[in-house]
């Protein structure tokens, strides 16, 4: 569907000759060709629009259909779809109630890293964000009043008459009503200046990796008039040397010796706020999990917290001397079969399968 005015794109009148069409295309294609604007997405889109407009207006049959159908024109000749009709209606009604849409600058993304301890209490982070701000010398227009010339295509109105129903911003001057004859000496015609903005970001408690915090108006300023975009701060919670996060709960592996598991012990363990002492029950098997309620992470929007889950892990000595080995063997030999009921059951099942 022809959602833009092809005549406006090429900067020609509706009664332009085929030579006028060809001449305008050559000038614009040379200016906006991707090879000359490799890092400018806006220029590359303009080149696509220019090529699309030229394909239609340079073909006599397509041009006749375009002049008749206006916004309902399709290059392949197919009738418009229902969603196309809705789009045209929305465009027409939108243009009736607005003069010129104010652009909004690009949103920016910035990743801030926090620790698990930061997640418990919340924190403030100072960040330096490179962004584009409006040039005060030319008020974002790319040229001072002395460096502007009235647009020849829209005659300074900033508007272009589209086919039949559509009226759009002038494609030649982007709806500003003027072109830049002498670029602003400070921003060199861009309308914006690059700065490094130092901001303090308040990170609330309970945040998780991937959560976004929006700082309104701290993105890039647009070219010309309009509001600056927003800064989207993406939270990244760093891995911890001791703790693992599982939702609002925190997991901790606690290494213990064999005597501590067998006899029980009082052990000091780390928490997110410091340390605490817990009792290891006698005869605790490896893998057993002890839970400390409300020692996990804050739950967002609630006054409660998750839990700290402590998993008991048996740490086996990497080596034994001869005396230790003999002592351990004597101790094992003195144990009755009932000391290891699960091992006894396992051995019995193995024997039955032989």
Protein backbone atom coordinates (compact mmCIF):
# COMPACT_ATOMS: atom_id res chain seq x y z
CA UNK A 1 0.00 0.00 0.00
CA UNK A 2 1.19 3.55 -0.81
CA UNK A 3 1.27 4.93 2.71
CA UNK A 4 3.49 7.84 1.60
CA UNK A 5 3.19 10.41 -1.17
CA UNK A 6 5.52 9.32 -3.98
CA UNK A 7 5.56 12.81 -5.50
CA UNK A 8 6.53 14.25 -2.14
CA UNK A 9 9.31 11.67 -1.73
CA UNK A 10 10.89 12.67 -5.05
CA UNK A 11 10.24 16.39 -4.43
CA UNK A 12 8.30 16.93 -7.66
CA UNK A 13 4.88 18.30 -8.64
CA UNK A 14 2.06 15.94 -9.55
CA UNK A 15 2.22 17.10 -13.16
CA UNK A 16 5.95 16.37 -13.49
CA UNK A 17 7.13 14.81 -16.75
CA UNK A 18 8.89 11.46 -17.00
CA UNK A 19 12.18 13.34 -17.42
CA UNK A 20 11.47 15.28 -14.22
CA UNK A 21 10.87 11.98 -12.41
CA UNK A 22 14.11 10.48 -13.71
CA UNK A 23 16.14 13.59 -12.92
CA UNK A 24 14.80 13.85 -9.36
CA UNK A 25 15.44 10.15 -8.76
CA UNK A 26 19.06 10.37 -9.91
CA UNK A 27 19.81 13.33 -7.65
CA UNK A 28 18.17 11.80 -4.58
CA UNK A 29 19.51 8.28 -5.18
CA UNK A 30 23.04 9.65 -5.39
CA UNK A 31 22.57 11.59 -2.16
CA UNK A 32 20.97 8.82 -0.09
CA UNK A 33 22.69 5.75 -1.56
CA UNK A 34 23.65 3.20 1.16
CA UNK A 35 27.27 3.15 -0.02
CA UNK A 36 27.55 6.81 0.98
CA UNK A 37 25.55 6.41 4.21
CA UNK A 38 26.65 3.04 5.56
CA UNK A 39 25.99 3.84 9.22
CA UNK A 40 22.84 5.94 8.80
CA UNK A 41 19.67 3.84 9.09
CA UNK A 42 17.48 6.84 8.27
CA UNK A 43 19.36 7.44 5.01
CA UNK A 44 19.03 3.78 4.02
CA UNK A 45 15.27 3.89 4.61
CA UNK A 46 15.03 7.07 2.53
CA UNK A 47 16.83 5.31 -0.33
CA UNK A 48 14.30 2.47 -0.19
CA UNK A 49 11.41 4.96 -0.27
CA UNK A 50 12.98 6.84 -3.19
CA UNK A 51 13.43 3.61 -5.16
CA UNK A 52 9.84 2.53 -4.45
CA UNK A 53 8.49 5.91 -5.57
CA UNK A 54 10.56 5.84 -8.76
CA UNK A 55 9.40 2.33 -9.69
CA UNK A 56 5.81 3.53 -9.67
CA UNK A 57 6.10 7.03 -11.13
CA UNK A 58 8.45 5.97 -13.93
CA UNK A 59 5.98 3.34 -15.15
CA UNK A 60 3.06 5.01 -17.02
CA UNK A 61 0.51 2.31 -16.14
CA UNK A 62 1.47 2.19 -12.47
CA UNK A 63 1.45 5.97 -12.27
CA UNK A 64 -2.10 6.16 -13.65
CA UNK A 65 -3.30 3.60 -11.10
CA UNK A 66 -1.47 5.43 -8.31
CA UNK A 67 -3.05 8.77 -9.23
CA UNK A 68 -6.50 7.16 -9.20
CA UNK A 69 -6.22 5.02 -6.08
CA UNK A 70 -3.98 7.16 -3.90
CA UNK A 71 -3.43 5.46 -0.54
CA UNK A 72 -5.19 2.29 -1.74
CA UNK A 73 -2.63 1.77 -4.51
CA UNK A 74 -0.62 -1.47 -4.46
CA UNK A 75 2.36 -1.99 -6.71
CA UNK A 76 1.36 -5.54 -7.67
CA UNK A 77 -2.20 -4.49 -8.57
CA UNK A 78 -3.96 -6.57 -5.92
CA UNK A 79 -7.07 -5.10 -4.25
CA UNK A 80 -6.52 -3.67 -0.77
CA UNK A 81 -7.00 -5.95 2.23
CA UNK A 82 -9.40 -5.05 5.09
CA UNK A 83 -6.47 -4.17 7.35
CA UNK A 84 -5.17 -1.83 4.63
CA UNK A 85 -8.50 0.01 4.59
CA UNK A 86 -8.34 0.38 8.36
CA UNK A 87 -4.83 1.78 8.08
CA UNK A 88 -5.95 4.37 5.54
CA UNK A 89 -8.91 5.38 7.71
CA UNK A 90 -6.67 5.78 10.74
CA UNK A 91 -4.22 7.87 8.74
CA UNK A 92 -6.93 10.15 7.38
CA UNK A 93 -8.57 10.73 10.76
CA UNK A 94 -5.20 11.18 12.40
CA UNK A 95 -4.24 13.84 9.89
CA UNK A 96 -7.52 15.69 10.42
CA UNK A 97 -6.75 16.22 14.08
CA UNK A 98 -3.04 16.91 14.03
CA UNK A 99 -0.83 19.39 12.25
CA UNK A 100 2.62 18.03 12.75
CA UNK A 101 3.54 15.11 14.93
CA UNK A 102 6.27 15.89 17.42
CA UNK A 103 9.05 13.38 17.26
CA UNK A 104 10.41 11.64 20.31
CA UNK A 105 14.09 10.88 20.71
CA UNK A 106 15.49 7.39 20.83
CA UNK A 107 15.32 5.38 24.03
CA UNK A 108 18.65 4.30 25.47
CA UNK A 109 19.57 1.10 27.30
CA UNK A 110 22.11 0.83 30.08
CA UNK A 111 22.99 -2.24 32.12
CA UNK A 112 23.78 -1.77 35.80
CA UNK A 113 25.33 -4.57 37.86
CA UNK A 114 24.33 -5.12 41.49
CA UNK A 115 25.22 -7.70 44.14
CA UNK A 116 22.90 -9.98 46.06
CA UNK A 117 23.57 -7.82 49.11
CA UNK A 118 22.34 -4.81 47.08
CA UNK A 119 19.15 -6.73 46.29
CA UNK A 120 18.46 -7.14 50.02
CA UNK A 121 18.64 -3.45 50.91
CA UNK A 122 18.23 -1.64 47.60
CA UNK A 123 20.94 0.78 46.53
CA UNK A 124 21.89 3.80 44.47
CA UNK A 125 24.32 3.49 41.56
CA UNK A 126 26.13 6.36 39.90
CA UNK A 127 26.39 5.80 36.15
CA UNK A 128 27.79 7.80 33.25
CA UNK A 129 25.49 7.59 30.22
CA UNK A 130 26.55 8.87 26.78
CA UNK A 131 23.53 10.57 25.22
CA UNK A 132 22.49 13.17 22.66
CA UNK A 133 21.01 16.45 23.94
CA UNK A 134 19.37 19.26 21.99
CA UNK A 135 21.79 21.86 20.63
CA UNK A 136 20.94 25.16 22.32
CA UNK A 137 22.51 27.26 19.59
CA UNK A 138 20.03 26.16 16.91
CA UNK A 139 17.35 24.76 19.25
CA UNK A 140 17.78 21.33 17.71
CA UNK A 141 16.97 22.41 14.14
CA UNK A 142 20.46 21.95 12.69
CA UNK A 143 20.73 25.58 11.61
CA UNK A 144 20.22 29.00 13.13
CA UNK A 145 17.56 31.29 11.66
CA UNK A 146 20.14 32.83 9.35
CA UNK A 147 21.16 29.42 8.01
CA UNK A 148 17.68 28.24 6.99
CA UNK A 149 15.99 28.40 3.59
CA UNK A 150 12.30 27.91 2.91
CA UNK A 151 11.57 24.44 1.54
CA UNK A 152 10.89 24.65 -2.20
CA UNK A 153 8.67 21.56 -2.17
CA UNK A 154 6.14 22.49 0.55
CA UNK A 155 6.70 26.26 0.28
CA UNK A 156 7.46 26.49 3.98
CA UNK A 157 4.28 24.81 5.21
CA UNK A 158 5.94 21.60 6.33
CA UNK A 159 3.04 19.71 4.75
CA UNK A 160 2.62 17.94 1.45
CA UNK A 161 -0.65 17.08 -0.28
CA UNK A 162 -0.80 13.34 -0.70
CA UNK A 163 -2.90 11.39 -3.17
CA UNK A 164 -6.57 12.19 -2.67
CA UNK A 165 -7.05 11.82 1.05
CA UNK A 166 -3.58 11.77 2.54
CA UNK A 167 -1.76 14.85 3.79
CA UNK A 168 1.62 14.13 5.27
CA UNK A 169 4.71 15.86 6.55
CA UNK A 170 6.87 17.09 3.68
CA UNK A 171 9.37 14.38 2.92
CA UNK A 172 11.94 16.84 1.57
CA UNK A 173 12.25 18.88 4.77
CA UNK A 174 10.87 16.29 7.24
CA UNK A 175 7.94 18.58 8.06
CA UNK A 176 10.07 21.49 9.27
CA UNK A 177 9.22 23.87 6.43
CA UNK A 178 12.84 24.73 5.75
CA UNK A 179 16.09 23.16 4.59
CA UNK A 180 19.54 23.73 6.03
CA UNK A 181 21.61 26.09 3.89
CA UNK A 182 24.31 26.77 6.49
CA UNK A 183 24.71 24.15 9.25
CA UNK A 184 24.86 25.20 12.88
CA UNK A 185 28.52 25.79 13.84
CA UNK A 186 28.16 23.91 17.14
CA UNK A 187 26.29 20.73 16.14
CA UNK A 188 27.32 20.84 12.45
CA UNK A 189 23.73 20.47 11.30
CA UNK A 190 22.78 17.47 13.43
CA UNK A 191 20.68 19.45 15.90
CA UNK A 192 22.15 17.48 18.79
CA UNK A 193 25.34 17.36 20.81
CA UNK A 194 26.92 14.34 22.47
CA UNK A 195 27.40 14.53 26.24
CA UNK A 196 28.24 12.16 29.07
CA UNK A 197 25.51 12.50 31.66
CA UNK A 198 26.22 11.44 35.25
CA UNK A 199 23.07 10.02 36.83
CA UNK A 200 22.22 8.40 40.16
CA UNK A 201 20.02 5.38 39.64
CA UNK A 202 17.90 4.16 42.55
CA UNK A 203 17.69 0.37 42.42
CA UNK A 204 14.84 -0.94 44.62
CA UNK A 205 15.19 -3.98 46.84
CA UNK A 206 14.14 -7.36 45.50
CA UNK A 207 15.11 -6.71 41.86
CA UNK A 208 16.09 -9.57 39.57
CA UNK A 209 18.29 -9.90 36.51
CA UNK A 210 16.55 -8.53 33.43
CA UNK A 211 14.25 -6.17 35.30
CA UNK A 212 13.98 -2.74 33.63
CA UNK A 213 13.89 0.62 35.38
CA UNK A 214 12.68 3.54 33.25
CA UNK A 215 14.16 7.01 33.72
CA UNK A 216 11.85 9.34 31.79
CA UNK A 217 13.47 11.94 29.54
CA UNK A 218 17.05 10.70 29.93
CA UNK A 219 17.36 9.15 26.48
CA UNK A 220 18.43 10.93 23.30
CA UNK A 221 16.86 14.21 22.25
CA UNK A 222 15.17 14.17 18.83
CA UNK A 223 16.32 16.24 15.89
CA UNK A 224 14.09 19.30 15.85
CA UNK A 225 11.25 19.68 18.34
CA UNK A 226 9.90 16.97 20.59
CA UNK A 227 10.64 15.21 23.86
CA UNK A 228 13.76 13.26 24.69
CA UNK A 229 13.50 9.49 24.82
CA UNK A 230 13.75 7.47 28.01
CA UNK A 231 16.64 5.65 29.62
CA UNK A 232 15.91 1.96 30.24
CA UNK A 233 18.18 0.66 32.98
CA UNK A 234 18.51 -3.13 32.81
CA UNK A 235 19.45 -4.78 36.10
CA UNK A 236 22.06 -7.55 36.17
CA UNK A 237 22.52 -9.34 39.51
CA UNK A 238 26.09 -10.63 39.76
CA UNK A 239 26.81 -14.25 40.70
CA UNK A 240 27.80 -14.73 44.34
CA UNK A 241 30.73 -16.78 45.61
CA UNK A 242 28.58 -18.53 48.23
CA UNK A 243 24.89 -18.06 47.49
CA UNK A 244 22.63 -19.10 44.62
CA UNK A 245 19.35 -17.36 43.95
CA UNK A 246 16.12 -19.24 43.33
CA UNK A 247 13.35 -16.68 43.02
CA UNK A 248 13.13 -14.95 46.39
CA UNK A 249 14.93 -17.82 48.15
CA UNK A 250 18.69 -18.18 48.54
CA UNK A 251 20.57 -21.49 48.46
CA UNK A 252 23.82 -22.22 50.36
CA UNK A 253 25.99 -25.35 50.30
CA UNK A 254 27.49 -25.95 53.76
CA UNK A 255 30.57 -28.23 53.78
CA UNK A 256 30.76 -30.42 56.92
CA UNK A 257 33.08 -33.11 58.20
CA UNK A 258 31.99 -36.68 58.77
CA UNK A 259 32.10 -36.33 62.59
CA UNK A 260 30.00 -33.16 62.42
CA UNK A 261 27.30 -34.95 60.44
CA UNK A 262 27.38 -37.98 62.73
CA UNK A 263 27.63 -36.27 66.11
CA UNK A 264 25.96 -32.94 65.38
CA UNK A 265 27.60 -29.55 65.80
CA UNK A 266 27.05 -25.82 66.22
CA UNK A 267 28.27 -24.15 63.02
CA UNK A 268 28.57 -20.47 62.07
CA UNK A 269 27.18 -19.88 58.57
CA UNK A 270 27.10 -16.78 56.37
CA UNK A 271 23.89 -14.94 55.56
CA UNK A 272 23.22 -11.98 53.28
CA UNK A 273 23.42 -9.65 56.30
CA UNK A 274 26.39 -11.24 58.09
CA UNK A 275 26.60 -14.53 59.98
CA UNK A 276 24.48 -16.67 62.28
CA UNK A 277 24.99 -19.89 64.24
CA UNK A 278 22.87 -22.96 63.51
CA UNK A 279 22.66 -26.40 65.09
CA UNK A 280 23.42 -29.41 62.89
CA UNK A 281 21.35 -32.33 64.26
CA UNK A 282 23.19 -35.57 65.02
CA UNK A 283 23.01 -38.27 62.34
CA UNK A 284 22.29 -35.73 59.58
CA UNK A 285 22.67 -37.29 56.12
CA UNK A 286 24.51 -35.43 53.34
CA UNK A 287 22.02 -33.56 51.16
CA UNK A 288 19.72 -32.66 54.02
CA UNK A 289 18.39 -29.09 53.74
CA UNK A 290 17.87 -26.78 56.71
CA UNK A 291 15.64 -23.74 56.23
CA UNK A 292 16.10 -20.34 57.85
CA UNK A 293 12.83 -18.47 57.40
CA UNK A 294 12.89 -14.83 56.21
CA UNK A 295 16.65 -14.89 55.57
CA UNK A 296 16.30 -14.77 51.79
CA UNK A 297 15.55 -11.84 49.47
CA UNK A 298 12.79 -9.24 49.80
CA UNK A 299 9.63 -9.95 47.83
CA UNK A 300 8.85 -7.05 45.51
CA UNK A 301 5.83 -5.09 46.69
CA UNK A 302 5.50 -7.09 49.92
CA UNK A 303 6.90 -6.80 53.42
CA UNK A 304 7.98 -10.46 53.58
CA UNK A 305 11.17 -12.15 52.44
CA UNK A 306 12.16 -15.48 51.02
CA UNK A 307 14.08 -18.13 52.95
CA UNK A 308 17.70 -19.25 53.21
CA UNK A 309 18.04 -22.95 52.37
CA UNK A 310 21.22 -24.59 53.67
CA UNK A 311 22.18 -27.91 52.10
CA UNK A 312 24.54 -30.12 54.13
CA UNK A 313 27.47 -31.35 52.06
CA UNK A 314 29.92 -34.04 53.23
CA UNK A 315 33.53 -33.02 52.63
CA UNK A 316 35.71 -36.12 52.31
CA UNK A 317 39.43 -35.74 53.10
CA UNK A 318 41.47 -35.99 49.89
CA UNK A 319 44.00 -38.30 51.57
CA UNK A 320 44.61 -40.26 54.82
CA UNK A 321 47.85 -41.37 56.45
CA UNK A 322 48.30 -44.98 57.51
CA UNK A 323 47.24 -44.43 61.11
CA UNK A 324 44.07 -42.61 60.08
CA UNK A 325 43.25 -45.30 57.55
CA UNK A 326 43.64 -48.11 60.12
CA UNK A 327 41.59 -46.23 62.68
CA UNK A 328 38.79 -45.69 60.17
CA UNK A 329 38.83 -49.36 59.18
CA UNK A 330 38.60 -50.47 62.83
CA UNK A 331 35.72 -48.08 63.40
CA UNK A 332 33.86 -49.38 60.32
CA UNK A 333 34.41 -52.99 61.38
CA UNK A 334 32.86 -52.31 64.78
CA UNK A 335 29.62 -50.98 63.29
CA UNK A 336 26.67 -53.40 63.28
CA UNK A 337 24.72 -54.00 60.02
CA UNK A 338 21.84 -51.97 61.42
CA UNK A 339 24.05 -48.86 61.40
CA UNK A 340 23.46 -48.47 57.65
CA UNK A 341 19.92 -49.77 56.94
CA UNK A 342 19.71 -48.28 53.43
CA UNK A 343 23.04 -49.85 52.46
CA UNK A 344 21.88 -53.20 53.86
CA UNK A 345 18.67 -53.01 51.79
CA UNK A 346 20.66 -52.04 48.69
CA UNK A 347 23.04 -55.01 49.11
CA UNK A 348 20.07 -57.34 49.57
CA UNK A 349 18.42 -56.17 46.33
CA UNK A 350 21.69 -56.58 44.45
CA UNK A 351 22.05 -60.15 45.71
CA UNK A 352 18.51 -60.97 44.56
CA UNK A 353 19.32 -59.88 41.01
CA UNK A 354 22.31 -62.19 40.66
